Protein backbone atom coordinates (compact mmCIF):
# COMPACT_ATOMS: atom_id res chain seq x y z
CA MET A 1 97.62 92.68 111.20
CA THR A 2 94.99 92.64 108.46
CA ALA A 3 96.33 89.33 107.18
CA ILE A 4 95.41 87.49 110.39
CA THR A 5 91.94 89.02 110.74
CA PRO A 6 89.98 86.23 108.95
CA ASP A 7 91.58 83.51 111.06
CA THR A 8 91.01 85.50 114.24
CA VAL A 9 87.35 85.99 113.37
CA ALA A 10 86.93 82.27 112.63
CA VAL A 11 88.55 81.20 115.90
CA SER A 12 86.59 83.77 117.89
CA ALA A 13 83.32 82.58 116.39
CA ALA A 14 84.09 79.02 117.47
CA GLU A 15 84.94 80.01 121.04
CA ALA A 16 82.60 80.68 123.92
CA ALA A 17 81.81 84.36 124.42
CA PRO A 18 83.88 84.86 127.62
CA SER A 19 87.07 83.68 125.89
CA ARG A 20 86.70 85.59 122.63
CA TRP A 21 88.29 88.77 123.90
CA GLY A 22 91.13 86.73 125.42
CA ILE A 23 91.92 85.41 121.94
CA ARG A 24 91.93 88.93 120.54
CA ILE A 25 94.12 90.20 123.37
CA SER A 26 96.64 87.46 122.61
CA THR A 27 96.55 88.36 118.92
CA ILE A 28 97.15 92.04 119.73
CA VAL A 29 100.09 91.23 122.02
CA LEU A 30 101.67 88.95 119.41
CA CYS A 31 101.37 91.75 116.85
CA LEU A 32 103.01 94.14 119.31
CA TRP A 33 105.99 91.81 119.77
CA VAL A 34 106.45 91.50 115.99
CA LEU A 35 105.44 94.88 114.57
CA VAL A 36 106.59 97.45 117.14
CA PRO A 37 110.28 96.56 116.60
CA LEU A 38 109.88 96.88 112.83
CA TYR A 39 108.19 100.27 113.02
CA LEU A 40 110.66 101.60 115.58
CA LEU A 41 113.60 100.55 113.41
CA ALA A 42 111.93 102.17 110.40
CA VAL A 43 111.54 105.41 112.35
CA ILE A 44 115.11 105.41 113.64
CA TYR A 45 117.03 104.07 110.65
CA GLY A 46 114.62 104.63 107.75
CA PRO A 47 115.94 108.07 106.75
CA ALA A 48 119.55 106.81 106.80
CA VAL A 49 118.62 103.80 104.66
CA LEU A 50 116.88 106.02 102.11
CA ALA A 51 119.98 108.22 101.88
CA VAL A 52 121.85 105.24 100.42
CA PHE A 53 119.72 105.52 97.27
CA GLY A 54 120.71 109.13 96.65
CA HIS A 55 119.79 112.68 97.52
CA SER A 56 116.41 112.54 95.78
CA TYR A 57 115.23 109.84 98.17
CA GLN A 58 116.09 111.77 101.32
CA ALA A 59 112.79 113.63 101.13
CA GLY A 60 111.14 110.36 102.08
CA GLY A 61 112.90 110.25 105.44
CA GLY A 62 110.26 112.40 107.12
CA VAL A 63 107.56 110.28 105.52
CA MET A 64 108.96 107.10 107.07
CA ILE A 65 109.07 108.74 110.50
CA ILE A 66 105.50 110.06 110.28
CA LEU A 67 104.00 106.82 108.99
CA GLY A 68 106.10 104.68 111.31
CA LEU A 69 104.82 106.59 114.35
CA SER A 70 101.24 106.43 113.10
CA MET A 71 101.50 102.67 112.60
CA LEU A 72 102.80 102.31 116.15
CA VAL A 73 99.55 103.91 117.31
CA ALA A 74 97.53 101.63 115.04
CA THR A 75 99.32 98.53 116.32
CA GLY A 76 98.73 99.55 119.92
CA CYS A 77 95.00 99.97 119.30
CA GLY A 78 94.70 96.44 117.97
CA GLN A 79 91.88 95.11 115.80
CA VAL A 80 89.24 97.46 117.15
CA ASP A 81 87.51 97.84 113.78
CA MET A 82 87.14 94.06 113.61
CA VAL A 83 85.50 94.14 117.04
CA LEU A 84 82.97 96.67 115.77
CA THR A 85 82.24 94.52 112.75
CA THR A 86 81.92 91.24 114.63
CA THR A 87 79.58 92.82 117.18
CA GLY A 88 77.15 93.86 114.45
CA ARG A 89 78.16 97.52 114.12
CA THR A 90 79.23 97.44 110.48
CA SER A 91 77.56 100.80 109.84
CA TRP A 92 79.84 102.34 112.47
CA SER A 93 82.86 100.86 110.71
CA LEU A 94 81.66 102.28 107.40
CA ALA A 95 81.11 105.73 108.93
CA ASN A 96 84.60 105.64 110.46
CA GLY A 97 86.09 104.75 107.09
CA LEU A 98 84.25 107.58 105.36
CA LEU A 99 85.33 110.03 108.07
CA ALA A 100 88.95 108.94 107.67
CA MET A 101 88.73 109.40 103.90
CA VAL A 102 87.30 112.90 104.24
CA ILE A 103 90.01 113.89 106.72
CA ASN A 104 92.71 112.38 104.52
CA VAL A 105 91.56 114.31 101.44
CA ALA A 106 91.09 117.54 103.40
CA VAL A 107 94.54 117.39 104.98
CA ASP A 108 96.11 116.48 101.62
CA LEU A 109 94.46 119.43 99.89
CA ALA A 110 95.66 121.76 102.64
CA LEU A 111 99.22 120.50 103.03
CA ILE A 112 100.43 118.93 99.78
CA PRO A 113 100.72 122.27 97.90
CA HIS A 114 103.05 123.58 100.63
CA TYR A 115 104.81 120.46 101.94
CA GLY A 116 104.57 117.95 99.11
CA ILE A 117 105.10 114.31 100.04
CA THR A 118 105.40 115.18 103.73
CA GLY A 119 101.94 116.75 103.62
CA ALA A 120 100.57 113.59 102.00
CA ALA A 121 102.16 111.52 104.77
CA ILE A 122 100.53 113.73 107.42
CA GLY A 123 97.15 113.24 105.73
CA TRP A 124 97.60 109.49 105.65
CA ALA A 125 98.73 109.46 109.28
CA ALA A 126 95.64 111.45 110.25
CA ALA A 127 93.45 108.89 108.48
CA ILE A 128 95.24 106.03 110.24
CA GLY A 129 94.67 107.76 113.56
CA VAL A 130 90.95 108.20 112.88
CA THR A 131 90.44 104.60 111.73
CA ASN A 132 92.00 103.34 114.96
CA LEU A 133 91.35 105.86 117.74
CA VAL A 134 87.69 106.44 116.91
CA PRO A 135 86.83 102.69 116.91
CA LEU A 136 88.92 102.30 120.06
CA ALA A 137 86.76 104.89 121.83
CA GLN A 138 83.56 103.34 120.43
CA VAL A 139 84.50 99.84 121.53
CA ALA A 140 85.44 101.08 125.00
CA ALA A 141 82.19 103.03 125.37
CA VAL A 142 79.72 100.56 123.88
CA VAL A 143 81.23 97.07 123.96
CA ARG A 144 83.06 98.02 127.17
CA VAL A 145 86.38 96.38 126.32
CA HIS A 146 89.79 97.71 125.35
CA PRO A 147 93.06 96.09 124.28
CA PHE A 148 95.21 97.32 127.16
CA GLY A 149 96.43 94.88 129.77
CA LEU A 150 99.53 93.46 131.41
CA GLY A 151 100.59 91.52 128.32
CA SER A 152 100.25 94.46 125.94
CA LEU A 153 101.92 96.84 128.41
CA THR A 154 104.86 94.45 128.82
CA ALA A 155 105.23 94.03 125.07
CA CYS A 156 105.12 97.79 124.46
CA LEU A 157 107.60 98.66 127.20
CA LEU A 158 110.14 95.98 126.39
CA THR A 159 110.08 96.46 122.62
CA THR A 160 110.26 100.24 123.00
CA VAL A 161 113.27 100.03 125.32
CA SER A 162 114.99 97.34 123.24
CA PHE A 163 114.31 98.62 119.72
CA GLY A 164 113.86 102.30 120.53
CA ALA A 165 116.09 103.37 123.39
CA ILE A 166 119.03 101.03 122.72
CA PRO A 167 119.38 101.94 119.00
CA LEU A 168 119.04 105.65 119.80
CA VAL A 169 121.78 105.47 122.42
CA VAL A 170 124.07 103.47 120.13
CA ARG A 171 123.48 105.89 117.26
CA ALA A 172 124.17 108.89 119.49
CA VAL A 173 127.44 107.38 120.71
CA ALA A 174 128.74 105.55 117.63
CA GLY A 175 126.81 107.03 114.71
CA ASP A 176 124.50 105.31 112.24
CA GLY A 177 127.07 103.39 110.21
CA PRO A 178 126.57 99.72 109.29
CA VAL A 179 128.54 98.29 112.21
CA PRO A 180 126.85 100.35 114.98
CA THR A 181 123.45 99.69 113.37
CA ILE A 182 123.99 95.93 113.29
CA ALA A 183 125.31 96.01 116.85
CA ALA A 184 122.29 97.99 118.08
CA ILE A 185 119.81 95.64 116.42
CA ALA A 186 121.67 92.60 117.77
CA ALA A 187 121.63 94.08 121.28
CA ALA A 188 117.92 94.81 120.98
CA MET A 189 117.14 91.27 119.81
CA MET A 190 119.25 89.81 122.62
CA SER A 191 117.43 91.95 125.18
CA VAL A 192 114.02 90.78 123.97
CA SER A 193 115.16 87.15 123.70
CA ILE A 194 116.44 87.11 127.26
CA ARG A 195 113.21 88.62 128.55
CA LEU A 196 111.05 86.17 126.62
CA THR A 197 113.20 83.25 127.77
CA LEU A 198 112.49 84.21 131.38
CA THR A 199 108.77 84.69 130.73
CA PRO A 200 106.26 81.83 130.41
CA ALA A 201 104.79 81.74 126.92
CA ASN A 202 101.23 82.30 128.06
CA ARG A 203 102.22 85.44 129.98
CA ALA A 204 104.28 86.76 127.06
CA ILE A 205 101.19 86.79 124.84
CA GLY A 206 98.92 88.11 127.55
CA ARG A 207 96.74 85.04 128.05
CA PRO A 208 96.34 85.55 131.84
CA ASP A 209 94.82 89.00 131.26
CA ARG A 210 91.12 89.23 131.83
CA PRO A 211 88.98 91.11 129.33
CA SER A 212 89.29 94.74 130.36
CA SER A 213 85.82 96.06 131.09
CA SER A 214 84.29 99.12 132.62
CA ALA A 215 81.04 97.39 133.33
CA GLY A 216 80.16 97.04 136.94
């Protein structure tokens, strides 16, 4: 998501104010379609993939689950920190970053001696949560917009069912061997493809959604 931030800022700056949030909503929804499946598959199959490399790598299975779940939260929040920055609240962004760093270090100091790499993952996940949830609340309260709408809800629900529920059911029934894994991923991709085929492109990326606002 960070890679597309400069282009999104440039396009937003060239657009009229009422359409800027529509561009960002579309960007968020596109990221949901692409990234949520990847993170879900990492959470579900990551530990099994690491086991291929030997017993010493299995300790990283919990790390993949923790960080995968935290990145799902970050993806759902969208580019809220960019919204703070582009609305002139760079000091808020800096304060959020410093807060996340303090929390990360504090959690690491508390958990790493007892839980090792898993404790470090929890600290990093806490920092990811702060750098996304805090700006999300700030943007909703001050700028009076948020990234949630029909397009983002559709993307979240469909990708979660396709790349979360279907692989979990297949793994529970047939195990996590190569053939069931490939079959589950193929079924998930087919499910999403069929849904997208039946959905107009502009609706799939959330373009019809109006900027969500709490202003009267």
